[in-house]
Amino acid sequence: MKKKNNPLDDFQKIKNEMAVDAVNEVFRNHPDNYISKLEEMGFKYFEEEDTEKIEEDNAVPENDRQKDLVSYFDGKIILAPNILKLYFEERKSDHPNFPLIRKYFKTANSHLKNLLLFGLQKNRTNIHLLNDLAYFHEFENILEILIDHFTSACKQENNIGNFSEMVEEFYYSTLYDGYDAIAQLQQMFPAGTEKREFIDLFVSELMRQSKNPDDIEF
């Protein structure tokens, strides 16, 4: 025997559908002041707390190394090899002050960018600096610079483990810019070479992970 629907359940379902339609209409018709319109309908707006920004706003130098780095980022001292040394020391320390350094990435600090490029001039294949440059790219579009440095690094790197990390970072850091990093690397390294074998394996893994391989662009 078929169970009859509960009238209260049907009523609640209709109310929910009406609420969804009303909310959608607000977003369509009032995209610039949807918060106030939703509040007029009885909804309460809660903005999620940005814990990272709070950490960054409160971050201060905790030692002489960090003070010197901040002085450099603030333009009070000039770029020199010792600044790069301090940056590496902070990066590799047991307790790096991530919020302090991170806020200079997020403001696309020009002195920080120059420091990363200065380091890559000295060591084109340094994976840590390449990763940091890719992170910097999230806050300032430096696509051409990023492509140049990753391409050069991939050519020069002979350690296949480091090379594999470069390829993955290169692919993901330029993916949403529409750059075809994998196709460029496939052209750069002929079939049969160790580097090309890894690139092809990487492509196969991407295809395997994708529910619809046709959506992946190379």
C-alpha atoms as a PDB file:
ATOM      1  CA  MET A   1       0.000   0.000   0.000  1.00  0.00           C
ATOM      2  CA  LYS A   2       1.426   3.350  -1.049  1.00  0.00           C
ATOM      3  CA  LYS A   3       2.217   5.651   1.841  1.00  0.00           C
ATOM      4  CA  LYS A   4       0.329   8.962   1.731  1.00  0.00           C
ATOM      5  CA  ASN A   5       2.343  12.164   1.719  1.00  0.00           C
ATOM      6  CA  ASN A   6       2.290  14.143   4.945  1.00  0.00           C
ATOM      7  CA  PRO A   7       0.579  17.503   4.195  1.00  0.00           C
ATOM      8  CA  LEU A   8       3.052  19.247   6.492  1.00  0.00           C
ATOM      9  CA  ASP A   9       5.984  17.817   4.507  1.00  0.00           C
ATOM     10  CA  ASP A  10       4.429  19.016   1.265  1.00  0.00           C
ATOM     11  CA  PHE A  11       3.873  22.462   2.758  1.00  0.00           C
ATOM     12  CA  GLN A  12       7.488  22.693   3.938  1.00  0.00           C
ATOM     13  CA  LYS A  13       8.744  21.604   0.524  1.00  0.00           C
ATOM     14  CA  ILE A  14       6.712  24.345  -1.152  1.00  0.00           C
ATOM     15  CA  LYS A  15       8.031  26.923   1.334  1.00  0.00           C
ATOM     16  CA  ASN A  16      11.628  25.859   0.662  1.00  0.00           C
ATOM     17  CA  GLU A  17      11.125  26.064  -3.095  1.00  0.00           C
ATOM     18  CA  MET A  18       9.571  29.514  -2.787  1.00  0.00           C
ATOM     19  CA  ALA A  19      12.481  30.678  -0.614  1.00  0.00           C
ATOM     20  CA  VAL A  20      15.031  29.413  -3.143  1.00  0.00           C
ATOM     21  CA  ASP A  21      13.194  31.162  -5.978  1.00  0.00           C
ATOM     22  CA  ALA A  22      13.030  34.395  -3.990  1.00  0.00           C
ATOM     23  CA  VAL A  23      16.751  34.284  -3.173  1.00  0.00           C
ATOM     24  CA  ASN A  24      17.644  33.580  -6.803  1.00  0.00           C
ATOM     25  CA  GLU A  25      15.517  36.535  -7.878  1.00  0.00           C
ATOM     26  CA  VAL A  26      17.409  38.811  -5.472  1.00  0.00           C
ATOM     27  CA  PHE A  27      20.759  37.726  -6.935  1.00  0.00           C
ATOM     28  CA  ARG A  28      19.466  38.277 -10.472  1.00  0.00           C
ATOM     29  CA  ASN A  29      17.855  41.669  -9.902  1.00  0.00           C
ATOM     30  CA  HIS A  30      20.060  43.166  -7.176  1.00  0.00           C
ATOM     31  CA  PRO A  31      23.639  41.928  -7.728  1.00  0.00           C
ATOM     32  CA  ASP A  32      25.166  45.074  -6.195  1.00  0.00           C
ATOM     33  CA  ASN A  33      23.168  45.154  -2.952  1.00  0.00           C
ATOM     34  CA  TYR A  34      21.955  41.583  -2.530  1.00  0.00           C
ATOM     35  CA  ILE A  35      22.944  41.542   1.167  1.00  0.00           C
ATOM     36  CA  SER A  36      20.548  44.318   2.170  1.00  0.00           C
ATOM     37  CA  LYS A  37      17.766  42.822   0.054  1.00  0.00           C
ATOM     38  CA  LEU A  38      18.200  39.414   1.666  1.00  0.00           C
ATOM     39  CA  GLU A  39      18.153  41.029   5.113  1.00  0.00           C
ATOM     40  CA  GLU A  40      14.852  42.725   4.178  1.00  0.00           C
ATOM     41  CA  MET A  41      13.487  39.229   3.535  1.00  0.00           C
ATOM     42  CA  GLY A  42      14.513  38.127   7.025  1.00  0.00           C
ATOM     43  CA  PHE A  43      17.857  36.507   6.275  1.00  0.00           C
ATOM     44  CA  LYS A  44      20.873  37.291   8.433  1.00  0.00           C
ATOM     45  CA  TYR A  45      24.244  37.877   6.789  1.00  0.00           C
ATOM     46  CA  PHE A  46      27.361  36.480   8.440  1.00  0.00           C
ATOM     47  CA  GLU A  47      30.778  37.203   6.948  1.00  0.00           C
ATOM     48  CA  GLU A  48      33.288  34.411   7.495  1.00  0.00           C
ATOM     49  CA  GLU A  49      36.289  35.545   9.496  1.00  0.00           C
ATOM     50  CA  ASP A  50      39.477  35.752   7.431  1.00  0.00           C
ATOM     51  CA  THR A  51      41.878  34.142   9.888  1.00  0.00           C
ATOM     52  CA  GLU A  52      44.848  34.424   7.512  1.00  0.00           C
ATOM     53  CA  LYS A  53      44.404  38.173   7.155  1.00  0.00           C
ATOM     54  CA  ILE A  54      44.101  38.567  10.924  1.00  0.00           C
ATOM     55  CA  GLU A  55      47.362  36.634  11.351  1.00  0.00           C
ATOM     56  CA  GLU A  56      49.049  38.781   8.716  1.00  0.00           C
ATOM     57  CA  ASP A  57      47.796  42.050  10.194  1.00  0.00           C
ATOM     58  CA  ASN A  58      49.130  41.022  13.591  1.00  0.00           C
ATOM     59  CA  ALA A  59      52.420  39.600  12.350  1.00  0.00           C
ATOM     60  CA  VAL A  60      55.577  41.411  13.465  1.00  0.00           C
ATOM     61  CA  PRO A  61      59.283  40.559  13.144  1.00  0.00           C
ATOM     62  CA  GLU A  62      60.380  38.250  15.933  1.00  0.00           C
ATOM     63  CA  ASN A  63      64.151  38.282  15.409  1.00  0.00           C
ATOM     64  CA  ASP A  64      66.911  40.264  13.684  1.00  0.00           C
ATOM     65  CA  ARG A  65      66.666  38.198  10.504  1.00  0.00           C
ATOM     66  CA  GLN A  66      62.987  38.996  10.106  1.00  0.00           C
ATOM     67  CA  LYS A  67      63.600  42.662  10.924  1.00  0.00           C
ATOM     68  CA  ASP A  68      66.185  42.892   8.137  1.00  0.00           C
ATOM     69  CA  LEU A  69      63.843  41.181   5.672  1.00  0.00           C
ATOM     70  CA  VAL A  70      61.029  43.571   6.535  1.00  0.00           C
ATOM     71  CA  SER A  71      63.399  46.518   6.153  1.00  0.00           C
ATOM     72  CA  TYR A  72      64.265  45.256   2.690  1.00  0.00           C
ATOM     73  CA  PHE A  73      60.618  44.634   1.705  1.00  0.00           C
ATOM     74  CA  ASP A  74      59.768  48.145   2.934  1.00  0.00           C
ATOM     75  CA  GLY A  75      62.505  49.636   0.740  1.00  0.00           C
ATOM     76  CA  LYS A  76      64.748  50.754   3.590  1.00  0.00           C
ATOM     77  CA  ILE A  77      67.775  48.697   2.532  1.00  0.00           C
ATOM     78  CA  ILE A  78      68.968  47.668  -0.923  1.00  0.00           C
ATOM     79  CA  LEU A  79      69.002  44.209  -2.458  1.00  0.00           C
ATOM     80  CA  ALA A  80      72.217  42.298  -1.835  1.00  0.00           C
ATOM     81  CA  PRO A  81      73.329  38.642  -1.550  1.00  0.00           C
ATOM     82  CA  ASN A  82      72.991  38.735   2.220  1.00  0.00           C
ATOM     83  CA  ILE A  83      69.258  39.500   1.873  1.00  0.00           C
ATOM     84  CA  LEU A  84      68.812  36.388  -0.246  1.00  0.00           C
ATOM     85  CA  LYS A  85      70.723  34.417   2.376  1.00  0.00           C
ATOM     86  CA  LEU A  86      68.401  35.736   5.088  1.00  0.00           C
ATOM     87  CA  TYR A  87      65.361  34.805   2.990  1.00  0.00           C
ATOM     88  CA  PHE A  88      66.572  31.218   2.615  1.00  0.00           C
ATOM     89  CA  GLU A  89      67.397  31.013   6.312  1.00  0.00           C
ATOM     90  CA  GLU A  90      63.899  32.173   7.210  1.00  0.00           C
ATOM     91  CA  ARG A  91      62.320  29.805   4.717  1.00  0.00           C
ATOM     92  CA  LYS A  92      64.245  26.818   6.092  1.00  0.00           C
ATOM     93  CA  SER A  93      64.003  27.735   9.768  1.00  0.00           C
ATOM     94  CA  ASP A  94      62.195  25.489  12.235  1.00  0.00           C
ATOM     95  CA  HIS A  95      59.568  28.149  12.874  1.00  0.00           C
ATOM     96  CA  PRO A  96      59.321  30.495   9.867  1.00  0.00           C
ATOM     97  CA  ASN A  97      57.109  33.525  10.325  1.00  0.00           C
ATOM     98  CA  PHE A  98      54.734  32.628   7.500  1.00  0.00           C
ATOM     99  CA  PRO A  99      52.103  35.326   8.186  1.00  0.00           C
ATOM    100  CA  LEU A 100      54.792  38.031   8.143  1.00  0.00           C
ATOM    101  CA  ILE A 101      56.250  36.956   4.798  1.00  0.00           C
ATOM    102  CA  ARG A 102      52.909  35.978   3.276  1.00  0.00           C
ATOM    103  CA  LYS A 103      51.468  39.465   3.510  1.00  0.00           C
ATOM    104  CA  TYR A 104      54.242  40.744   1.226  1.00  0.00           C
ATOM    105  CA  PHE A 105      53.269  38.132  -1.340  1.00  0.00           C
ATOM    106  CA  LYS A 106      49.622  39.125  -1.112  1.00  0.00           C
ATOM    107  CA  THR A 107      50.424  42.797  -1.693  1.00  0.00           C
ATOM    108  CA  ALA A 108      52.641  41.828  -4.665  1.00  0.00           C
ATOM    109  CA  ASN A 109      55.582  43.592  -3.052  1.00  0.00           C
ATOM    110  CA  SER A 110      58.006  44.656  -5.793  1.00  0.00           C
ATOM    111  CA  HIS A 111      61.054  44.198  -3.565  1.00  0.00           C
ATOM    112  CA  LEU A 112      60.025  40.612  -2.851  1.00  0.00           C
ATOM    113  CA  LYS A 113      59.615  39.943  -6.573  1.00  0.00           C
ATOM    114  CA  ASN A 114      63.069  41.385  -7.253  1.00  0.00           C
ATOM    115  CA  LEU A 115      64.511  39.176  -4.530  1.00  0.00           C
ATOM    116  CA  LEU A 116      63.015  36.035  -6.085  1.00  0.00           C
ATOM    117  CA  LEU A 117      64.283  36.986  -9.542  1.00  0.00           C
ATOM    118  CA  PHE A 118      67.704  37.841  -8.113  1.00  0.00           C
ATOM    119  CA  GLY A 119      67.874  34.383  -6.556  1.00  0.00           C
ATOM    120  CA  LEU A 120      66.844  32.703  -9.801  1.00  0.00           C
ATOM    121  CA  GLN A 121      69.557  34.564 -11.677  1.00  0.00           C
ATOM    122  CA  LYS A 122      72.036  32.837  -9.421  1.00  0.00           C
ATOM    123  CA  ASN A 123      70.330  29.436  -9.487  1.00  0.00           C
ATOM    124  CA  ARG A 124      67.878  28.932 -12.347  1.00  0.00           C
ATOM    125  CA  THR A 125      66.741  25.526 -11.113  1.00  0.00           C
ATOM    126  CA  ASN A 126      66.030  26.330  -7.467  1.00  0.00           C
ATOM    127  CA  ILE A 127      62.646  24.678  -6.958  1.00  0.00           C
ATOM    128  CA  HIS A 128      61.861  26.675  -3.809  1.00  0.00           C
ATOM    129  CA  LEU A 129      62.306  30.000  -5.581  1.00  0.00           C
ATOM    130  CA  LEU A 130      60.314  28.738  -8.561  1.00  0.00           C
ATOM    131  CA  ASN A 131      57.472  27.708  -6.264  1.00  0.00           C
ATOM    132  CA  ASP A 132      57.591  31.086  -4.541  1.00  0.00           C
ATOM    133  CA  LEU A 133      57.549  32.860  -7.904  1.00  0.00           C
ATOM    134  CA  ALA A 134      54.474  30.815  -8.861  1.00  0.00           C
ATOM    135  CA  TYR A 135      52.823  31.849  -5.587  1.00  0.00           C
ATOM    136  CA  PHE A 136      53.681  35.503  -6.286  1.00  0.00           C
ATOM    137  CA  HIS A 137      51.971  35.115  -9.679  1.00  0.00           C
ATOM    138  CA  GLU A 138      48.677  34.534  -7.847  1.00  0.00           C
ATOM    139  CA  PHE A 139      48.735  38.185  -6.737  1.00  0.00           C
ATOM    140  CA  GLU A 140      50.416  39.872  -9.721  1.00  0.00           C
ATOM    141  CA  ASN A 141      50.216  38.623 -13.281  1.00  0.00           C
ATOM    142  CA  ILE A 142      53.821  37.832 -14.214  1.00  0.00           C
ATOM    143  CA  LEU A 143      52.955  35.069 -16.670  1.00  0.00           C
ATOM    144  CA  GLU A 144      55.727  35.798 -19.166  1.00  0.00           C
ATOM    145  CA  ILE A 145      58.347  35.907 -16.408  1.00  0.00           C
ATOM    146  CA  LEU A 146      56.997  32.690 -14.911  1.00  0.00           C
ATOM    147  CA  ILE A 147      57.035  30.878 -18.269  1.00  0.00           C
ATOM    148  CA  ASP A 148      60.579  32.033 -18.976  1.00  0.00           C
ATOM    149  CA  HIS A 149      61.930  30.819 -15.646  1.00  0.00           C
ATOM    150  CA  PHE A 150      60.114  27.485 -15.601  1.00  0.00           C
ATOM    151  CA  THR A 151      61.073  26.766 -19.208  1.00  0.00           C
ATOM    152  CA  SER A 152      64.718  27.538 -18.504  1.00  0.00           C
ATOM    153  CA  ALA A 153      64.680  25.481 -15.309  1.00  0.00           C
ATOM    154  CA  CYS A 154      63.115  22.471 -17.032  1.00  0.00           C
ATOM    155  CA  LYS A 155      65.826  22.594 -19.702  1.00  0.00           C
ATOM    156  CA  GLN A 156      68.656  22.795 -17.193  1.00  0.00           C
ATOM    157  CA  GLU A 157      67.462  20.441 -14.432  1.00  0.00           C
ATOM    158  CA  ASN A 158      69.066  16.998 -14.661  1.00  0.00           C
ATOM    159  CA  ASN A 159      67.593  15.472 -11.508  1.00  0.00           C
ATOM    160  CA  ILE A 160      64.378  13.757 -12.633  1.00  0.00           C
ATOM    161  CA  GLY A 161      62.830  14.109  -9.163  1.00  0.00           C
ATOM    162  CA  ASN A 162      63.297  17.883  -9.193  1.00  0.00           C
ATOM    163  CA  PHE A 163      62.231  17.980 -12.845  1.00  0.00           C
ATOM    164  CA  SER A 164      58.967  16.200 -12.061  1.00  0.00           C
ATOM    165  CA  GLU A 165      58.161  18.744  -9.352  1.00  0.00           C
ATOM    166  CA  MET A 166      58.919  21.587 -11.758  1.00  0.00           C
ATOM    167  CA  VAL A 167      56.633  20.164 -14.436  1.00  0.00           C
ATOM    168  CA  GLU A 168      53.713  19.825 -12.036  1.00  0.00           C
ATOM    169  CA  GLU A 169      54.192  23.330 -10.608  1.00  0.00           C
ATOM    170  CA  PHE A 170      54.612  24.770 -14.112  1.00  0.00           C
ATOM    171  CA  TYR A 171      51.391  23.114 -15.274  1.00  0.00           C
ATOM    172  CA  TYR A 172      49.220  24.069 -12.304  1.00  0.00           C
ATOM    173  CA  SER A 173      50.579  27.614 -11.888  1.00  0.00           C
ATOM    174  CA  THR A 174      49.797  28.549 -15.514  1.00  0.00           C
ATOM    175  CA  LEU A 175      46.696  26.402 -16.082  1.00  0.00           C
ATOM    176  CA  TYR A 176      44.143  29.134 -15.415  1.00  0.00           C
ATOM    177  CA  ASP A 177      46.051  31.609 -17.551  1.00  0.00           C
ATOM    178  CA  GLY A 178      45.319  29.446 -20.586  1.00  0.00           C
ATOM    179  CA  TYR A 179      48.980  28.600 -21.153  1.00  0.00           C
ATOM    180  CA  ASP A 180      49.670  25.159 -22.661  1.00  0.00           C
ATOM    181  CA  ALA A 181      52.705  24.237 -20.543  1.00  0.00           C
ATOM    182  CA  ILE A 182      52.478  20.497 -21.213  1.00  0.00           C
ATOM    183  CA  ALA A 183      52.348  20.895 -25.006  1.00  0.00           C
ATOM    184  CA  GLN A 184      55.356  23.206 -24.883  1.00  0.00           C
ATOM    185  CA  LEU A 185      57.332  20.741 -22.783  1.00  0.00           C
ATOM    186  CA  GLN A 186      56.387  17.862 -25.081  1.00  0.00           C
ATOM    187  CA  GLN A 187      57.797  19.823 -28.005  1.00  0.00           C
ATOM    188  CA  MET A 188      60.920  20.658 -26.028  1.00  0.00           C
ATOM    189  CA  PHE A 189      61.793  17.076 -25.061  1.00  0.00           C
ATOM    190  CA  PRO A 190      61.683  14.409 -27.799  1.00  0.00           C
ATOM    191  CA  ALA A 191      60.094  10.999 -27.325  1.00  0.00           C
ATOM    192  CA  GLY A 192      62.368   8.433 -25.736  1.00  0.00           C
ATOM    193  CA  THR A 193      64.098  10.828 -23.350  1.00  0.00           C
ATOM    194  CA  GLU A 194      63.695  10.425 -19.608  1.00  0.00           C
ATOM    195  CA  LYS A 195      62.141  13.863 -19.252  1.00  0.00           C
ATOM    196  CA  ARG A 196      59.605  13.178 -22.014  1.00  0.00           C
ATOM    197  CA  GLU A 197      58.695   9.854 -20.396  1.00  0.00           C
ATOM    198  CA  PHE A 198      57.798  11.642 -17.167  1.00  0.00           C
ATOM    199  CA  ILE A 199      55.780  14.293 -19.041  1.00  0.00           C
ATOM    200  CA  ASP A 200      53.793  11.588 -20.834  1.00  0.00           C
ATOM    201  CA  LEU A 201      53.198   9.770 -17.543  1.00  0.00           C
ATOM    202  CA  PHE A 202      52.005  13.025 -16.006  1.00  0.00           C
ATOM    203  CA  VAL A 203      49.554  13.502 -18.870  1.00  0.00           C
ATOM    204  CA  SER A 204      48.289   9.939 -18.436  1.00  0.00           C
ATOM    205  CA  GLU A 205      47.718  10.544 -14.732  1.00  0.00           C
ATOM    206  CA  LEU A 206      45.798  13.758 -15.445  1.00  0.00           C
ATOM    207  CA  MET A 207      43.633  11.898 -17.923  1.00  0.00           C
ATOM    208  CA  ARG A 208      43.001   9.110 -15.424  1.00  0.00           C
ATOM    209  CA  GLN A 209      41.949  11.543 -12.723  1.00  0.00           C
ATOM    210  CA  SER A 210      39.610  13.420 -15.004  1.00  0.00           C
ATOM    211  CA  LYS A 211      36.053  12.150 -15.239  1.00  0.00           C
ATOM    212  CA  ASN A 212      35.917  13.582 -18.732  1.00  0.00           C
ATOM    213  CA  PRO A 213      39.384  13.570 -20.362  1.00  0.00           C
ATOM    214  CA  ASP A 214      38.083  15.788 -23.204  1.00  0.00           C
ATOM    215  CA  ASP A 215      37.853  18.667 -20.704  1.00  0.00           C
ATOM    216  CA  ILE A 216      41.634  18.737 -20.221  1.00  0.00           C
ATOM    217  CA  GLU A 217      43.410  21.113 -22.582  1.00  0.00           C
ATOM    218  CA  PHE A 218      46.985  20.486 -23.704  1.00  0.00           C
END
